[in-house]
Amino acid sequence: MKNLYCLFLLTIVACSGPKVVYDYDTKKDFSKYTTYNYYPDLKTGLSNFDDKRLITSTDKVMTEKGFSKSDSPQLYINFLSEEYTTPSNNSIGIGIGNGPIQIGGGIPIGAPNQRIQLTVDFIDAETKELIWQAEADNTQNSRQTPENRTGFFNVMMSKVLDKYPPKK
């Protein structure tokens, strides 16, 4: 029973959503930034549909945080993405032998994991300096429905923008 409980906890931790790391300019006063818009030459590397989902999700979170979208913003938001695959973590182990001579290995089962790495840059519109950055990495299912893909970007941007603005 104890092993089953540990397996359950590991499963929940593994499915906890995107992994996010942050970095920012510690000398900036983030309280002065109240308006934003997207970098004028935005090229995310995503499909047009996913671009719209990403921007809609970001607008929602930024509005909830009290920011307003402006034609003359204090911040530009830029996105860069990379989609890649990793081998499946599932395998079947096989082995033969007895005593000191044994041969074994694993046969991977299942499809490779589709992953997306998203970098979000906040750029001071006046100085054109990068002031805050987050990198998120998450598994995505390329066969998701449009509604599920919208949910995927909602969760990702909520987690990414959770630590913005940074606390002193």
Protein backbone atom coordinates (compact mmCIF):
# COMPACT_ATOMS: atom_id res chain seq x y z
CA MET A 1 0.00 0.00 0.00
CA LYS A 2 2.88 2.36 0.82
CA ASN A 3 4.42 1.76 -2.63
CA LEU A 4 1.09 2.51 -4.29
CA TYR A 5 0.86 5.81 -2.38
CA CYS A 6 4.41 6.78 -3.48
CA LEU A 7 3.58 5.90 -7.10
CA PHE A 8 0.44 8.07 -6.90
CA LEU A 9 2.44 11.06 -5.57
CA LEU A 10 5.10 10.68 -8.25
CA THR A 11 2.41 10.61 -10.94
CA ILE A 12 0.84 13.83 -9.64
CA VAL A 13 4.22 15.60 -9.45
CA ALA A 14 5.10 14.45 -12.98
CA CYS A 15 1.82 15.84 -14.33
CA SER A 16 2.01 19.17 -12.52
CA GLY A 17 2.29 21.28 -15.64
CA PRO A 18 5.04 23.37 -17.14
CA LYS A 19 8.43 23.75 -15.54
CA VAL A 20 9.30 27.45 -15.44
CA VAL A 21 12.53 29.33 -14.65
CA TYR A 22 12.80 33.09 -14.30
CA ASP A 23 15.46 35.77 -14.58
CA TYR A 24 15.22 39.54 -14.34
CA ASP A 25 17.11 42.80 -13.94
CA THR A 26 17.33 43.34 -10.17
CA LYS A 27 17.93 47.07 -10.62
CA LYS A 28 14.59 47.77 -12.31
CA ASP A 29 11.56 49.16 -10.50
CA PHE A 30 8.82 46.91 -11.86
CA SER A 31 6.06 48.91 -10.18
CA LYS A 32 6.41 51.66 -12.81
CA TYR A 33 5.28 49.32 -15.61
CA THR A 34 1.50 49.32 -16.03
CA THR A 35 0.97 49.04 -19.81
CA TYR A 36 2.07 46.45 -22.35
CA ASN A 37 1.77 45.33 -25.93
CA TYR A 38 3.45 42.72 -28.09
CA TYR A 39 6.77 43.19 -29.80
CA PRO A 40 6.07 44.83 -33.17
CA ASP A 41 7.78 42.09 -35.20
CA LEU A 42 6.41 39.15 -33.20
CA LYS A 43 7.41 35.76 -34.64
CA THR A 44 6.69 33.06 -32.08
CA GLY A 45 7.47 30.00 -34.17
CA LEU A 46 3.97 28.63 -33.46
CA SER A 47 1.07 28.14 -35.84
CA ASN A 48 -1.28 31.08 -36.45
CA PHE A 49 -3.95 29.39 -34.33
CA ASP A 50 -1.53 28.81 -31.46
CA ASP A 51 -0.28 32.42 -31.78
CA LYS A 52 -3.84 33.61 -31.19
CA ARG A 53 -4.30 31.22 -28.26
CA LEU A 54 -1.02 32.35 -26.69
CA ILE A 55 -1.83 36.05 -27.05
CA THR A 56 -5.39 35.60 -25.74
CA SER A 57 -4.08 33.66 -22.72
CA THR A 58 -1.42 36.28 -22.04
CA ASP A 59 -3.94 39.14 -22.33
CA LYS A 60 -6.21 37.37 -19.84
CA VAL A 61 -3.47 36.90 -17.23
CA MET A 62 -2.03 40.41 -17.70
CA THR A 63 -5.52 41.95 -17.29
CA GLU A 64 -6.06 39.90 -14.12
CA LYS A 65 -2.77 41.28 -12.79
CA GLY A 66 -3.94 44.87 -13.40
CA PHE A 67 -2.00 45.65 -16.60
CA SER A 68 -3.60 47.31 -19.59
CA LYS A 69 -2.83 46.86 -23.25
CA SER A 70 -1.76 50.09 -24.93
CA ASP A 71 -0.68 51.41 -28.33
CA SER A 72 2.14 53.26 -26.53
CA PRO A 73 3.20 50.61 -24.01
CA GLN A 74 5.85 50.70 -21.32
CA LEU A 75 6.57 47.01 -21.92
CA TYR A 76 6.86 44.90 -25.01
CA ILE A 77 6.22 41.18 -24.68
CA ASN A 78 8.05 38.84 -27.04
CA PHE A 79 7.72 35.07 -27.42
CA LEU A 80 10.09 32.49 -28.85
CA SER A 81 9.19 28.83 -29.04
CA GLU A 82 10.80 25.56 -29.93
CA GLU A 83 8.95 22.32 -30.41
CA TYR A 84 10.90 19.08 -30.05
CA THR A 85 10.44 15.41 -29.21
CA THR A 86 11.94 13.28 -26.47
CA PRO A 87 11.92 9.49 -26.32
CA SER A 88 9.06 7.81 -24.52
CA ASN A 89 9.74 7.09 -20.85
CA ASN A 90 7.73 3.87 -21.06
CA SER A 91 9.52 0.62 -21.78
CA ILE A 92 9.21 -3.11 -21.26
CA GLY A 93 12.22 -4.74 -19.67
CA ILE A 94 13.43 -8.11 -20.89
CA GLY A 95 16.29 -10.24 -19.75
CA ILE A 96 17.78 -13.71 -19.97
CA GLY A 97 20.39 -15.48 -18.00
CA ASN A 98 21.06 -16.98 -14.63
CA GLY A 99 23.77 -16.40 -12.08
CA PRO A 100 26.67 -14.16 -12.99
CA ILE A 101 25.90 -14.03 -16.72
CA GLN A 102 22.81 -12.03 -17.57
CA ILE A 103 21.70 -9.99 -20.54
CA GLY A 104 18.85 -7.52 -20.42
CA GLY A 105 17.47 -4.35 -21.84
CA GLY A 106 14.37 -2.30 -22.41
CA ILE A 107 12.14 -1.96 -25.41
CA PRO A 108 10.52 1.46 -25.65
CA ILE A 109 6.75 1.48 -26.03
CA GLY A 110 4.51 4.36 -26.93
CA ALA A 111 5.09 7.42 -29.04
CA PRO A 112 7.81 9.96 -28.29
CA ASN A 113 6.81 12.92 -26.12
CA GLN A 114 6.04 16.15 -27.99
CA ARG A 115 7.44 19.07 -25.99
CA ILE A 116 7.37 22.83 -26.30
CA GLN A 117 9.85 25.27 -24.83
CA LEU A 118 8.51 28.81 -24.63
CA THR A 119 10.63 31.85 -23.81
CA VAL A 120 8.76 34.99 -22.73
CA ASP A 121 10.69 38.27 -22.79
CA PHE A 122 9.55 41.55 -21.24
CA ILE A 123 11.36 44.45 -22.89
CA ASP A 124 11.37 48.05 -21.70
CA ALA A 125 9.73 49.87 -24.62
CA GLU A 126 11.70 53.06 -24.07
CA THR A 127 15.21 51.65 -23.61
CA LYS A 128 14.68 48.42 -25.61
CA GLU A 129 16.39 46.49 -22.77
CA LEU A 130 15.35 43.03 -21.65
CA ILE A 131 14.11 43.39 -18.07
CA TRP A 132 12.40 40.04 -17.31
CA GLN A 133 12.46 36.59 -18.86
CA ALA A 134 10.77 33.27 -18.25
CA GLU A 135 11.44 29.93 -19.89
CA ALA A 136 8.75 27.27 -19.72
CA ASP A 137 8.95 23.68 -20.86
CA ASN A 138 5.98 21.35 -21.08
CA THR A 139 4.70 18.25 -22.82
CA GLN A 140 2.04 18.91 -25.41
CA ASN A 141 -0.14 16.55 -27.36
CA SER A 142 -0.17 17.50 -31.04
CA ARG A 143 -3.49 15.66 -31.44
CA GLN A 144 -5.30 17.83 -28.89
CA THR A 145 -8.62 19.39 -29.74
CA PRO A 146 -8.66 23.17 -30.25
CA GLU A 147 -10.35 23.55 -26.84
CA ASN A 148 -7.63 21.49 -25.15
CA ARG A 149 -4.90 23.50 -26.88
CA THR A 150 -6.53 26.70 -25.57
CA GLY A 151 -6.48 25.18 -22.08
CA PHE A 152 -2.84 24.19 -22.55
CA PHE A 153 -1.84 27.80 -23.28
CA ASN A 154 -4.04 29.13 -20.44
CA VAL A 155 -2.26 26.89 -17.94
CA MET A 156 1.17 27.65 -19.38
CA MET A 157 0.76 31.44 -19.30
CA SER A 158 -0.78 31.39 -15.83
CA LYS A 159 2.28 29.52 -14.57
CA VAL A 160 4.75 31.65 -16.57
CA LEU A 161 3.31 34.97 -15.36
CA ASP A 162 2.78 33.77 -11.80
CA LYS A 163 6.09 35.38 -10.74
CA TYR A 164 5.65 38.65 -12.60
CA PRO A 165 6.26 41.28 -11.38
CA PRO A 166 9.10 39.97 -9.24
CA LYS A 167 8.81 40.56 -5.50
CA LYS A 168 11.59 42.50 -3.80
